[in-house]
Amino acid sequence: MSELLGAAEIRALASELGVSPTKKLGQNFVIDPNTIRKIVSVAKLSGDETVVEIGPGLGSLTLGLLEVVNNVIAVEIDNKMAEAIERTVRSKEPNKNFQLVHADALKVTELPMQPDALVANLPYNISVPVLLHFLEHFPSIASGVVLVQAEVAHRLAAKPGSKIYGSPSVKLAWYAESNLAGNVGRNVFWPAPNVDSALVYFKKRAEALGDEELRKKTFSVIDEAFLHRRKTLRQAIANFAGSPALAEELLTKAGIASTARGEDLTVLDFVEIAKAKS
């Protein structure tokens, strides 16, 4: 088992580079090796996977992943962080296959290898868009775990009928089954965030719910339903259908009550509504 980066080493690296975590990029570095190993353990990696990590920062989680797997791709937008992580990994894990993609994660559509898993301490300000972007563009991702703001984690893993069930919950459910996988205290981060954090584990559906055209149509219905979540579906998806009357026709065809609301529906229900519109 290799030596992971601790608080003192992370701060020293940052000082040497003249960098500090920024709110703009949503950066909060995990400085506790035990937490790093907890995240890697929750990911249920066999060791054969190629793992993609987003926003690796100075490399604490990257090194934790490389204890378990041989292949890690890290996507980092910050110039100084990108330079630092390469140097850190080469010095501590020279025999592992580490590849850095220096880019904005929201714009990445190609990687040097097909990833099997996604494991990341996601930047809080873009956590949901980044997760959905990678699941959309890299269908090879079969499972993963993300560390995000606790409120976001609960939304991602929420089930129908919950007040926090919404667009992120259903969109993640299009791709995968998910569940909460533990809380992470504020004191393991530098800087310590003003919010709690939690882990979400996800595992890809054995069979896709549909093709890209159906996904886009389904996501449009989801967006409409939760944009007007207090309205009944007859009113909420009227723009998608063309009118309230046409919305009622779609819902009848899909076998869903027009008086239902978005929070009552499973992802499969949303798929049926999308299919009902020719």
Foldseek 3Di string as FASTA:
>chain_A
DFDAAAPVNLVVLCVVLVHADDLVQLDKDQHDLVVLLLLLVLQVDQQDWAEEEEACQQPRNVVSNVVRYQHYEYEAQDPSSQVNNVVVCCVGPVRGHYHYHHHDLLPDLDDPDQGQEYEYAHRAVCVLSSVLSCVVRRVNHFKYKYKYFPLVQCQCQPAFPDPSPALNVQSVVQFWHKDWDAWDAQVSIVVRDPTTMTMMITGGDPDGPDDPVLSVLLSLLRCQLRVPQVAFQLPSCQVSQVHSVSSCVLCVQLVHDSRHGSSNDHSVSSSSSSVSRD
